[in-house]
N, C-alpha and C. Protein backbone atom coordinates (compact mmCIF):
# COMPACT_ATOMS: atom_id res chain seq x y z
N UNK A 1 0.66 -0.45 -10.10
CA UNK A 1 1.79 -1.12 -9.65
C UNK A 1 1.72 -2.43 -10.54
N UNK A 2 2.90 -2.73 -10.86
CA UNK A 2 2.95 -4.25 -11.68
C UNK A 2 3.58 -5.06 -10.70
N UNK A 3 2.98 -5.90 -10.17
CA UNK A 3 3.65 -6.80 -9.15
C UNK A 3 4.97 -7.69 -9.51
N UNK A 4 5.08 -8.13 -10.51
CA UNK A 4 6.30 -8.63 -11.12
C UNK A 4 7.40 -7.79 -11.07
N UNK A 5 7.11 -6.35 -10.96
CA UNK A 5 8.33 -5.46 -10.74
C UNK A 5 8.95 -5.55 -9.44
N UNK A 6 7.93 -5.84 -8.43
CA UNK A 6 8.35 -5.83 -7.08
C UNK A 6 8.72 -7.16 -6.58
N UNK A 7 7.92 -8.06 -7.38
CA UNK A 7 8.55 -9.72 -6.88
C UNK A 7 8.62 -10.58 -8.06
N UNK A 8 9.81 -11.22 -8.13
CA UNK A 8 10.08 -12.21 -9.27
C UNK A 8 8.98 -13.09 -9.29
N UNK A 9 8.43 -13.50 -8.05
CA UNK A 9 7.52 -14.70 -8.11
C UNK A 9 6.16 -14.52 -8.80
N UNK A 10 6.09 -13.31 -8.85
CA UNK A 10 4.80 -12.79 -9.86
C UNK A 10 5.16 -12.76 -11.17
N UNK A 11 6.23 -13.28 -11.77
CA UNK A 11 6.71 -13.17 -13.34
C UNK A 11 5.53 -13.79 -13.98
N UNK A 12 5.03 -14.78 -13.60
CA UNK A 12 4.16 -15.56 -14.45
C UNK A 12 2.63 -15.78 -13.56
N UNK A 13 2.14 -14.79 -13.23
CA UNK A 13 0.85 -14.89 -12.77
C UNK A 13 -0.19 -15.57 -13.55
N UNK A 14 -1.16 -16.23 -12.89
CA UNK A 14 -2.23 -16.96 -13.59
C UNK A 14 -3.62 -16.23 -13.08
N UNK A 15 -4.07 -15.75 -13.89
CA UNK A 15 -5.44 -15.25 -13.66
C UNK A 15 -6.49 -15.88 -14.10
N UNK A 16 -7.63 -16.10 -13.43
CA UNK A 16 -8.87 -17.09 -13.83
C UNK A 16 -9.77 -15.74 -13.68
N UNK A 17 -10.71 -16.12 -14.69
CA UNK A 17 -11.75 -15.35 -15.19
C UNK A 17 -12.91 -15.91 -15.16
N UNK A 18 -12.81 -17.44 -15.19
CA UNK A 18 -14.16 -18.09 -15.16
C UNK A 18 -13.92 -19.19 -13.87
N UNK A 19 -15.12 -19.61 -13.58
CA UNK A 19 -14.72 -20.36 -12.24
C UNK A 19 -14.35 -21.78 -12.80
N UNK A 20 -14.41 -22.37 -13.88
CA UNK A 20 -13.87 -23.37 -14.49
C UNK A 20 -12.24 -23.41 -14.26
N UNK A 21 -11.69 -22.35 -14.87
CA UNK A 21 -10.26 -22.15 -15.02
C UNK A 21 -9.74 -21.98 -13.31
N UNK A 22 -10.46 -21.13 -12.71
CA UNK A 22 -10.16 -21.13 -11.34
C UNK A 22 -9.92 -22.34 -10.30
N UNK A 23 -10.90 -23.23 -10.84
CA UNK A 23 -10.86 -24.28 -9.88
C UNK A 23 -9.65 -25.33 -10.66
N UNK A 24 -9.49 -25.31 -11.79
CA UNK A 24 -8.42 -26.07 -12.39
C UNK A 24 -7.08 -25.70 -11.87
N UNK A 25 -6.75 -24.02 -11.68
CA UNK A 25 -5.59 -23.67 -11.36
C UNK A 25 -5.26 -24.12 -9.80
N UNK A 26 -6.47 -24.22 -8.93
CA UNK A 26 -6.08 -24.83 -7.56
C UNK A 26 -5.93 -26.17 -7.60
N UNK A 27 -6.39 -26.86 -8.46
CA UNK A 27 -5.97 -28.29 -8.42
C UNK A 27 -4.67 -28.84 -9.21
N UNK A 28 -4.02 -27.74 -9.75
CA UNK A 28 -2.68 -28.09 -10.70
C UNK A 28 -1.51 -28.58 -9.39
N UNK A 29 -0.57 -29.25 -9.94
CA UNK A 29 0.64 -29.28 -9.27
C UNK A 29 1.92 -29.02 -9.94
N UNK A 30 2.80 -28.36 -9.23
CA UNK A 30 2.59 -27.92 -7.76
C UNK A 30 1.58 -26.96 -7.93
N UNK A 31 0.95 -26.90 -6.58
CA UNK A 31 -0.12 -25.78 -6.25
C UNK A 31 0.56 -24.32 -6.24
N UNK A 32 -0.46 -23.47 -6.60
CA UNK A 32 0.08 -21.93 -6.47
C UNK A 32 0.57 -21.65 -5.21
N UNK A 33 1.71 -20.63 -5.31
CA UNK A 33 2.24 -20.21 -4.22
C UNK A 33 1.23 -19.36 -3.22
N UNK A 34 0.41 -18.62 -3.84
CA UNK A 34 -0.44 -18.04 -3.18
C UNK A 34 -1.63 -17.70 -4.08
N UNK A 35 -2.83 -17.60 -3.76
CA UNK A 35 -4.17 -17.00 -4.25
C UNK A 35 -4.42 -15.66 -3.75
N UNK A 36 -4.56 -14.53 -4.66
CA UNK A 36 -4.78 -13.27 -4.56
C UNK A 36 -6.46 -13.22 -4.81
N UNK A 37 -7.31 -12.93 -3.86
CA UNK A 37 -8.80 -12.78 -4.27
C UNK A 37 -8.95 -11.14 -4.34
N UNK A 38 -8.89 -10.65 -5.70
CA UNK A 38 -8.90 -9.40 -5.88
C UNK A 38 -10.16 -8.67 -6.21
N UNK A 39 -11.33 -9.46 -6.16
CA UNK A 39 -12.60 -8.73 -6.15
C UNK A 39 -13.72 -9.47 -5.53
N UNK A 40 -15.04 -9.08 -5.59
CA UNK A 40 -15.97 -9.58 -4.78
C UNK A 40 -16.58 -10.60 -5.36
N UNK A 41 -16.20 -11.32 -6.42
CA UNK A 41 -16.65 -12.16 -7.12
C UNK A 41 -17.20 -13.53 -6.39
N UNK A 42 -16.22 -13.91 -5.57
CA UNK A 42 -16.36 -14.98 -4.71
C UNK A 42 -17.30 -14.90 -3.62
N UNK A 43 -17.79 -13.74 -3.32
CA UNK A 43 -19.09 -13.64 -2.47
C UNK A 43 -20.35 -13.85 -2.86
N UNK A 44 -20.39 -13.90 -4.36
CA UNK A 44 -21.71 -14.29 -5.10
C UNK A 44 -21.96 -15.76 -5.27
N UNK A 45 -23.15 -16.01 -5.03
CA UNK A 45 -23.71 -17.35 -4.97
C UNK A 45 -23.08 -18.33 -6.26
N UNK A 46 -23.21 -17.69 -7.50
CA UNK A 46 -22.64 -18.57 -8.49
C UNK A 46 -21.26 -19.00 -8.47
N UNK A 47 -20.63 -18.28 -7.71
CA UNK A 47 -19.17 -18.66 -7.36
C UNK A 47 -18.76 -19.69 -6.11
N UNK A 48 -19.76 -19.86 -5.46
CA UNK A 48 -19.63 -20.75 -4.36
C UNK A 48 -18.71 -21.82 -4.48
N UNK A 49 -18.75 -22.63 -5.28
CA UNK A 49 -17.81 -23.66 -5.51
C UNK A 49 -16.28 -23.28 -5.78
N UNK A 50 -15.99 -22.22 -6.44
CA UNK A 50 -14.70 -21.63 -6.50
C UNK A 50 -14.29 -21.23 -5.06
N UNK A 51 -15.02 -20.40 -4.26
CA UNK A 51 -14.80 -20.24 -3.05
C UNK A 51 -14.33 -21.43 -1.96
N UNK A 52 -15.09 -22.36 -2.03
CA UNK A 52 -15.02 -23.98 -1.47
C UNK A 52 -13.61 -24.22 -2.12
N UNK A 53 -13.29 -24.34 -3.04
CA UNK A 53 -12.03 -24.73 -3.80
C UNK A 53 -10.78 -24.09 -3.34
N UNK A 54 -11.00 -22.61 -3.21
CA UNK A 54 -9.96 -21.83 -2.50
C UNK A 54 -9.73 -22.17 -1.05
N UNK A 55 -10.85 -22.61 -0.35
CA UNK A 55 -10.77 -22.81 1.19
C UNK A 55 -10.10 -24.30 1.24
N UNK A 56 -10.30 -25.14 0.35
CA UNK A 56 -9.63 -26.37 0.43
C UNK A 56 -8.44 -26.15 0.17
N UNK A 57 -7.76 -25.43 -0.73
CA UNK A 57 -6.20 -25.28 -1.07
C UNK A 57 -5.70 -24.71 0.49
N UNK A 58 -6.54 -23.72 0.91
CA UNK A 58 -6.00 -23.32 2.18
C UNK A 58 -5.79 -24.08 3.08
N UNK A 59 -6.81 -24.97 3.42
CA UNK A 59 -6.97 -25.83 4.44
C UNK A 59 -5.65 -26.84 4.35
N UNK A 60 -5.31 -27.32 3.06
CA UNK A 60 -4.07 -28.10 2.71
C UNK A 60 -2.75 -27.70 3.08
N UNK A 61 -2.90 -26.15 3.20
CA UNK A 61 -1.38 -25.50 3.51
C UNK A 61 -1.45 -24.19 2.60
N UNK A 62 -2.31 -24.03 2.05
CA UNK A 62 -2.01 -22.96 0.77
C UNK A 62 -2.31 -21.32 1.73
N UNK A 63 -2.03 -20.39 1.07
CA UNK A 63 -2.21 -19.07 1.34
C UNK A 63 -3.34 -18.28 0.44
N UNK A 64 -4.30 -17.66 0.92
CA UNK A 64 -5.02 -16.80 0.04
C UNK A 64 -5.23 -15.47 0.79
N UNK A 65 -5.05 -14.35 -0.18
CA UNK A 65 -5.27 -13.12 0.51
C UNK A 65 -6.46 -12.36 -0.23
N UNK A 66 -7.53 -12.02 0.64
CA UNK A 66 -8.53 -10.95 0.08
C UNK A 66 -7.97 -9.64 0.11
N UNK A 67 -8.17 -9.00 -1.15
CA UNK A 67 -7.55 -7.81 -1.08
C UNK A 67 -7.73 -7.02 -2.57
N UNK A 68 -7.16 -5.99 -2.73
CA UNK A 68 -7.49 -5.32 -4.17
C UNK A 68 -8.55 -4.59 -4.19
N UNK A 69 -9.69 -4.84 -5.27
CA UNK A 69 -10.99 -4.24 -5.35
C UNK A 69 -11.87 -4.90 -4.59
N UNK A 70 -11.69 -6.20 -3.79
CA UNK A 70 -12.73 -6.84 -2.73
C UNK A 70 -13.16 -5.76 -1.88
N UNK A 71 -12.52 -4.81 -1.11
CA UNK A 71 -13.28 -4.12 0.00
C UNK A 71 -13.99 -2.92 -0.83
N UNK A 72 -13.64 -2.47 -2.00
CA UNK A 72 -14.28 -1.32 -2.36
C UNK A 72 -15.61 -2.02 -3.20
N UNK A 73 -15.85 -3.17 -3.69
CA UNK A 73 -17.06 -3.69 -4.27
C UNK A 73 -17.76 -4.62 -3.26
N UNK A 74 -17.37 -5.08 -2.43
CA UNK A 74 -18.32 -6.16 -1.88
C UNK A 74 -19.34 -5.48 -1.09
N UNK A 75 -20.53 -6.03 -1.16
CA UNK A 75 -21.37 -5.79 -0.44
C UNK A 75 -21.25 -6.26 1.18
N UNK A 76 -21.34 -5.04 2.01
CA UNK A 76 -21.04 -5.26 3.75
C UNK A 76 -21.64 -6.41 4.02
N UNK A 77 -22.94 -6.46 3.96
CA UNK A 77 -23.67 -7.82 4.47
C UNK A 77 -23.30 -9.10 3.74
N UNK A 78 -22.32 -9.11 2.64
CA UNK A 78 -21.82 -10.23 2.41
C UNK A 78 -20.38 -10.59 2.77
N UNK A 79 -19.95 -10.05 3.82
CA UNK A 79 -18.65 -10.34 4.16
C UNK A 79 -18.71 -11.47 5.41
N UNK A 80 -19.73 -11.12 6.35
CA UNK A 80 -19.72 -12.12 7.43
C UNK A 80 -19.72 -13.53 6.83
N UNK A 81 -20.90 -13.78 5.97
CA UNK A 81 -21.26 -15.22 5.65
C UNK A 81 -19.87 -15.55 4.80
N UNK A 82 -19.23 -14.71 3.88
CA UNK A 82 -18.06 -15.13 3.13
C UNK A 82 -16.91 -15.73 4.03
N UNK A 83 -16.49 -14.88 5.26
CA UNK A 83 -15.60 -15.23 6.16
C UNK A 83 -16.21 -16.64 6.88
N UNK A 84 -17.20 -16.62 7.36
CA UNK A 84 -17.78 -17.81 8.14
C UNK A 84 -17.78 -19.06 7.49
N UNK A 85 -17.66 -19.25 6.10
CA UNK A 85 -16.98 -20.43 5.47
C UNK A 85 -15.77 -20.83 5.92
N UNK A 86 -15.03 -20.05 6.02
CA UNK A 86 -13.58 -20.32 6.50
C UNK A 86 -13.37 -20.23 7.99
N UNK A 87 -14.69 -20.46 8.67
CA UNK A 87 -14.62 -20.51 10.13
C UNK A 87 -14.08 -19.27 10.82
N UNK A 88 -14.30 -18.29 10.15
CA UNK A 88 -13.96 -16.84 10.83
C UNK A 88 -15.20 -16.08 11.17
N UNK A 89 -15.33 -15.30 12.36
CA UNK A 89 -16.31 -14.58 12.62
C UNK A 89 -16.07 -13.10 12.26
N UNK A 90 -15.18 -12.97 10.95
CA UNK A 90 -15.07 -11.47 10.62
C UNK A 90 -16.24 -11.10 9.81
N UNK A 91 -16.62 -9.85 10.04
CA UNK A 91 -17.69 -8.89 9.12
C UNK A 91 -17.28 -7.53 8.79
N UNK A 92 -18.14 -6.88 7.99
CA UNK A 92 -17.73 -5.50 7.74
C UNK A 92 -17.64 -4.62 8.98
N UNK A 93 -16.61 -3.94 9.06
CA UNK A 93 -16.44 -3.00 10.37
C UNK A 93 -16.37 -1.39 9.55
N UNK A 94 -15.69 -0.62 10.15
CA UNK A 94 -15.58 0.95 9.79
C UNK A 94 -14.90 1.05 8.38
N UNK A 95 -15.38 2.09 7.73
CA UNK A 95 -14.78 2.45 6.52
C UNK A 95 -14.10 4.17 6.94
N UNK A 96 -12.87 3.99 6.58
CA UNK A 96 -12.25 5.43 7.10
C UNK A 96 -10.85 5.52 6.77
N UNK A 97 -9.96 6.45 6.59
CA UNK A 97 -8.70 6.64 6.69
C UNK A 97 -8.01 6.76 8.08
N UNK A 98 -7.17 6.12 8.48
CA UNK A 98 -6.33 6.20 9.61
C UNK A 98 -4.91 5.42 9.61
N UNK A 99 -4.18 5.72 10.58
CA UNK A 99 -2.81 5.23 10.96
C UNK A 99 -3.03 4.10 11.48
N UNK A 100 -2.56 2.73 11.06
CA UNK A 100 -2.44 1.58 11.99
C UNK A 100 -0.93 1.13 12.35
N UNK A 101 -0.69 0.45 13.37
CA UNK A 101 0.48 0.12 14.11
C UNK A 101 0.53 -1.28 13.67
N UNK A 102 1.94 -1.64 13.32
CA UNK A 102 2.34 -3.19 13.18
C UNK A 102 2.20 -4.07 14.57
N UNK A 103 1.49 -4.83 14.48
CA UNK A 103 1.28 -5.71 15.76
C UNK A 103 2.39 -6.76 15.76
N UNK A 104 3.57 -6.59 16.41
CA UNK A 104 4.54 -7.68 16.32
C UNK A 104 4.22 -8.84 17.14
N UNK A 105 3.19 -9.10 17.79
CA UNK A 105 2.87 -10.14 18.44
C UNK A 105 2.17 -11.08 17.26
N UNK A 106 1.69 -10.33 16.16
CA UNK A 106 1.14 -11.37 15.22
C UNK A 106 1.91 -11.45 14.01
N UNK A 107 2.98 -10.78 13.76
CA UNK A 107 3.97 -10.94 12.65
C UNK A 107 5.23 -11.57 13.00
N UNK A 108 5.63 -12.43 12.28
CA UNK A 108 6.88 -13.11 12.47
C UNK A 108 8.11 -12.07 12.43
N UNK A 109 9.08 -12.29 13.12
CA UNK A 109 10.25 -11.29 13.32
C UNK A 109 10.79 -10.97 12.09
N UNK A 110 11.04 -11.85 11.07
CA UNK A 110 11.67 -11.59 9.73
C UNK A 110 10.73 -10.66 8.78
N UNK A 111 9.60 -10.77 8.75
CA UNK A 111 8.58 -9.82 8.22
C UNK A 111 8.48 -8.65 8.89
N UNK A 112 8.46 -8.43 10.35
CA UNK A 112 8.40 -7.47 11.18
C UNK A 112 9.47 -6.34 10.98
N UNK A 113 10.37 -6.83 10.64
CA UNK A 113 11.85 -6.15 10.23
C UNK A 113 11.77 -5.21 9.19
N UNK A 114 10.95 -6.04 7.95
CA UNK A 114 10.76 -5.16 6.66
C UNK A 114 9.69 -4.70 6.51
N UNK A 115 8.44 -4.70 7.19
CA UNK A 115 7.26 -4.11 7.23
C UNK A 115 7.28 -2.63 7.65
N UNK A 116 6.72 -1.65 7.21
CA UNK A 116 6.44 -0.30 8.05
C UNK A 116 5.86 -0.44 9.35
N UNK A 117 6.39 0.20 10.29
CA UNK A 117 5.88 0.11 11.65
C UNK A 117 4.42 0.75 11.89
N UNK A 118 4.35 1.85 10.80
CA UNK A 118 2.92 2.40 10.95
C UNK A 118 2.82 3.08 9.65
N UNK A 119 1.61 2.83 9.39
CA UNK A 119 1.32 3.61 7.78
C UNK A 119 -0.40 4.05 7.74
N UNK A 120 -0.30 5.08 6.84
CA UNK A 120 -2.09 5.32 7.01
C UNK A 120 -2.62 4.87 5.49
N UNK A 121 -3.74 4.13 5.82
CA UNK A 121 -4.30 3.74 4.66
C UNK A 121 -6.04 4.14 4.98
N UNK A 122 -6.91 4.10 3.58
CA UNK A 122 -8.13 4.22 3.72
C UNK A 122 -8.65 3.01 3.35
N UNK A 123 -9.58 2.57 4.32
CA UNK A 123 -9.74 0.96 4.33
C UNK A 123 -11.32 0.56 4.70
N UNK A 124 -11.74 -0.28 4.29
CA UNK A 124 -12.69 -0.86 4.50
C UNK A 124 -12.23 -2.31 5.98
N UNK A 125 -12.29 -1.76 7.30
CA UNK A 125 -12.06 -2.77 8.17
C UNK A 125 -12.90 -3.98 8.12
N UNK A 126 -12.42 -5.10 8.86
CA UNK A 126 -13.10 -6.34 9.38
C UNK A 126 -13.37 -6.26 10.93
N UNK A 127 -14.35 -6.58 11.47
CA UNK A 127 -14.51 -6.71 12.71
C UNK A 127 -14.65 -8.07 13.41
N UNK A 128 -14.70 -8.17 14.58
CA UNK A 128 -14.66 -9.47 15.29
C UNK A 128 -13.32 -10.38 15.00
N UNK A 129 -11.99 -9.46 14.86
CA UNK A 129 -10.96 -10.16 14.60
C UNK A 129 -10.10 -10.22 16.07
N UNK A 130 -9.73 -11.47 16.19
CA UNK A 130 -8.78 -11.74 17.57
C UNK A 130 -7.73 -11.02 17.51
N UNK A 131 -7.06 -10.31 18.53
CA UNK A 131 -5.89 -9.52 18.59
C UNK A 131 -4.53 -10.48 17.52
N UNK A 132 -4.51 -11.60 17.69
CA UNK A 132 -3.48 -12.47 17.34
C UNK A 132 -3.55 -12.63 15.84
N UNK A 133 -4.76 -12.25 15.18
CA UNK A 133 -4.72 -12.31 13.84
C UNK A 133 -4.72 -10.79 13.09
N UNK A 134 -4.50 -9.79 13.92
CA UNK A 134 -4.15 -8.53 13.36
C UNK A 134 -3.07 -7.99 13.33
N UNK A 135 -2.44 -7.92 12.01
CA UNK A 135 -1.12 -7.69 11.53
C UNK A 135 -0.76 -6.40 12.07
N UNK A 136 -2.01 -5.45 11.65
CA UNK A 136 -1.84 -4.09 12.06
C UNK A 136 -3.00 -3.81 12.88
N UNK A 137 -2.88 -2.85 13.80
CA UNK A 137 -4.15 -2.29 14.48
C UNK A 137 -4.24 -0.97 14.74
N UNK A 138 -5.10 -0.44 15.05
CA UNK A 138 -5.27 0.84 15.63
C UNK A 138 -4.78 0.89 17.00
N UNK A 139 -4.25 2.17 17.58
CA UNK A 139 -3.93 2.65 18.81
C UNK A 139 -4.54 3.83 19.29
N UNK A 140 -3.98 4.19 20.68
CA UNK A 140 -4.29 5.62 21.09
C UNK A 140 -4.18 6.63 20.30
N UNK A 141 -3.29 6.42 19.28
CA UNK A 141 -2.68 7.53 18.53
C UNK A 141 -3.62 7.59 17.09
N UNK A 142 -4.11 6.66 16.78
CA UNK A 142 -5.13 6.41 15.58
C UNK A 142 -6.34 7.13 15.55
N UNK A 143 -6.54 8.33 14.54
CA UNK A 143 -7.65 8.90 14.52
C UNK A 143 -8.28 9.09 13.23
N UNK A 144 -9.40 9.14 12.82
CA UNK A 144 -9.88 9.11 11.54
C UNK A 144 -9.55 10.57 10.70
N UNK A 145 -9.00 10.23 9.96
CA UNK A 145 -8.28 11.38 8.96
C UNK A 145 -8.96 11.74 8.09
N UNK A 146 -9.83 13.10 8.01
CA UNK A 146 -10.52 13.54 7.19
C UNK A 146 -10.56 15.02 6.89
N UNK A 147 -10.67 15.20 5.61
CA UNK A 147 -10.49 16.89 5.35
C UNK A 147 -12.20 17.49 5.70
N UNK A 148 -12.72 16.84 5.98
CA UNK A 148 -14.35 17.02 6.35
C UNK A 148 -14.66 17.08 8.03
N UNK A 149 -14.18 16.16 8.41
CA UNK A 149 -14.67 15.79 9.85
C UNK A 149 -13.43 16.09 10.83
N UNK A 150 -13.91 16.41 12.12
CA UNK A 150 -12.60 16.73 12.94
C UNK A 150 -12.07 15.37 13.30
N UNK A 151 -10.97 15.41 13.94
CA UNK A 151 -10.46 14.13 14.06
C UNK A 151 -10.88 13.35 15.45
N UNK A 152 -11.55 12.25 15.28
CA UNK A 152 -12.24 11.44 16.29
C UNK A 152 -11.32 9.90 16.49
N UNK A 153 -11.30 9.33 17.60
CA UNK A 153 -10.63 8.21 17.77
C UNK A 153 -11.05 7.14 16.66
N UNK A 154 -9.97 6.50 16.02
CA UNK A 154 -10.31 5.25 15.23
C UNK A 154 -10.05 3.96 16.02
N UNK A 155 -9.66 4.17 17.00
CA UNK A 155 -9.45 2.90 17.90
C UNK A 155 -10.70 1.92 18.36
N UNK A 156 -10.84 1.09 17.70
CA UNK A 156 -12.22 0.26 17.79
C UNK A 156 -11.51 -1.23 18.08
N UNK A 157 -12.08 -1.87 19.34
CA UNK A 157 -11.48 -3.03 19.61
C UNK A 157 -12.24 -4.03 18.79
N UNK A 158 -11.26 -4.98 18.23
CA UNK A 158 -11.81 -6.10 17.53
C UNK A 158 -11.75 -5.69 15.75
N UNK A 159 -11.33 -4.38 15.52
CA UNK A 159 -11.56 -4.10 14.02
C UNK A 159 -10.07 -3.77 13.69
N UNK A 160 -9.67 -4.45 12.39
CA UNK A 160 -8.47 -4.03 11.75
C UNK A 160 -8.55 -3.92 10.11
N UNK A 161 -7.57 -3.65 9.55
CA UNK A 161 -7.81 -3.31 8.05
C UNK A 161 -6.72 -4.33 7.53
N UNK A 162 -6.06 -5.03 8.29
CA UNK A 162 -4.82 -5.95 7.76
C UNK A 162 -5.12 -7.22 8.83
N UNK A 163 -5.70 -8.59 8.54
CA UNK A 163 -5.64 -9.57 9.42
C UNK A 163 -5.24 -10.90 8.44
N UNK A 164 -4.68 -11.63 9.25
CA UNK A 164 -4.37 -12.95 8.99
C UNK A 164 -4.65 -14.01 9.67
N UNK A 165 -5.25 -15.09 9.43
CA UNK A 165 -5.67 -16.21 10.29
C UNK A 165 -5.38 -17.47 9.66
N UNK A 166 -5.12 -18.73 10.69
CA UNK A 166 -4.73 -19.68 10.27
C UNK A 166 -6.49 -20.68 9.98
N UNK A 167 -6.17 -21.00 8.93
CA UNK A 167 -7.31 -21.74 8.34
C UNK A 167 -6.99 -23.12 8.08
N UNK A 168 -7.18 -24.34 8.80
CA UNK A 168 -6.71 -25.72 8.56
C UNK A 168 -5.14 -25.49 8.55
N UNK A 169 -4.29 -25.98 7.66
CA UNK A 169 -3.02 -25.80 7.81
C UNK A 169 -2.27 -24.57 6.91
N UNK A 170 -3.32 -23.69 6.33
CA UNK A 170 -3.03 -22.69 5.65
C UNK A 170 -3.33 -21.30 6.46
N UNK A 171 -3.31 -20.25 5.46
CA UNK A 171 -3.54 -18.83 6.22
C UNK A 171 -4.64 -18.32 4.85
N UNK A 172 -5.38 -17.58 5.75
CA UNK A 172 -6.35 -16.47 4.87
C UNK A 172 -6.13 -15.17 5.43
N UNK A 173 -5.75 -14.21 4.57
CA UNK A 173 -5.46 -12.90 4.85
C UNK A 173 -6.39 -11.84 4.24
N UNK A 174 -6.46 -10.59 4.63
CA UNK A 174 -7.38 -9.58 4.44
C UNK A 174 -6.66 -8.24 4.63
N UNK A 175 -6.85 -7.51 3.43
CA UNK A 175 -6.25 -6.32 3.32
C UNK A 175 -7.22 -5.44 2.91
N UNK A 176 -7.75 -4.51 3.72
CA UNK A 176 -8.91 -3.77 3.42
C UNK A 176 -8.73 -2.73 2.72
N UNK A 177 -7.46 -2.15 2.63
CA UNK A 177 -7.03 -0.69 1.61
C UNK A 177 -7.66 -0.63 0.31
N UNK A 178 -8.35 0.70 0.24
CA UNK A 178 -8.89 0.64 -1.14
C UNK A 178 -8.05 1.51 -1.87
N UNK A 179 -7.04 2.04 -1.60
CA UNK A 179 -6.03 2.93 -2.53
C UNK A 179 -4.75 2.18 -2.99
N UNK A 180 -4.37 0.73 -2.56
CA UNK A 180 -3.21 0.36 -3.02
C UNK A 180 -2.06 1.09 -2.25
N UNK A 181 -1.92 1.26 -0.93
CA UNK A 181 -0.70 2.30 -0.51
C UNK A 181 0.33 1.35 -0.78
N UNK A 182 1.65 1.90 -0.60
CA UNK A 182 2.82 1.25 -0.63
C UNK A 182 3.13 0.39 0.61
N UNK A 183 2.55 0.61 1.60
CA UNK A 183 2.81 -0.10 2.99
C UNK A 183 1.77 -1.37 2.63
N UNK A 184 0.70 -1.32 2.07
CA UNK A 184 -0.01 -2.27 1.87
C UNK A 184 0.26 -3.35 0.89
N UNK A 185 1.04 -2.87 -0.17
CA UNK A 185 1.73 -3.81 -1.25
C UNK A 185 2.84 -4.73 -0.43
N UNK A 186 3.36 -4.03 0.43
CA UNK A 186 4.45 -4.69 1.17
C UNK A 186 3.89 -5.96 2.02
N UNK A 187 2.80 -5.47 2.70
CA UNK A 187 2.24 -6.23 3.69
C UNK A 187 1.58 -7.66 2.75
N UNK A 188 1.01 -7.27 1.67
CA UNK A 188 0.38 -8.64 0.62
C UNK A 188 1.76 -9.22 0.51
N UNK A 189 2.85 -8.86 -0.02
CA UNK A 189 4.04 -9.88 -0.29
C UNK A 189 4.46 -10.36 0.98
N UNK A 190 4.25 -9.81 2.19
CA UNK A 190 4.80 -10.64 3.28
C UNK A 190 3.69 -11.77 3.67
N UNK A 191 2.46 -11.40 3.30
CA UNK A 191 1.67 -12.40 3.65
C UNK A 191 1.58 -13.67 2.60
N UNK A 192 1.99 -13.33 1.41
CA UNK A 192 2.28 -14.48 0.32
C UNK A 192 3.56 -15.13 0.63
N UNK A 193 4.61 -14.54 1.42
CA UNK A 193 5.83 -15.26 1.89
C UNK A 193 6.97 -14.65 0.81
N UNK A 194 6.80 -13.41 0.14
CA UNK A 194 7.48 -13.05 -1.08
C UNK A 194 8.28 -11.80 -0.56
N UNK A 195 8.20 -11.68 0.60
CA UNK A 195 9.06 -10.36 0.92
C UNK A 195 10.26 -10.40 1.68
């Protein structure tokens, strides 16, 4: 998917490939509309200054979304320390495909009307997420969808593949989908305020 085809706000995205350019992007005026964290690089010690710069941007009122290749390549034991620097208790949860349901208590009415009510995704879930931060959650109808294993309940308290929390005056989101499902693309746009 080419994001600019879906949303004009992505017409001129800026991509940082080095820590210096990333920090420069975060200090420009006007600030970025949103920051997409598309891989696991910010979990690495050598990029801790960039992660701190992203968190400062969020605390000032910015929006950052952890998504894309991040859930596929992050080391599970790196997730809890990564999110704890944002003041969140999120860690690595389950990894499977299931159908999640929109949590209308966590999503504003305008976005809830535009987002799918339910959709299936194969995802790395985060755990220790409070219900009000779960944009989508499993329910009694959610089962592990597998061609190999029989269906078992995927409804695990505190786990979700789609979360967004307030950090300072801003928002930090997570989309654990590893296959870029259409529903997840819409969620990312909504989290960024572009839907």
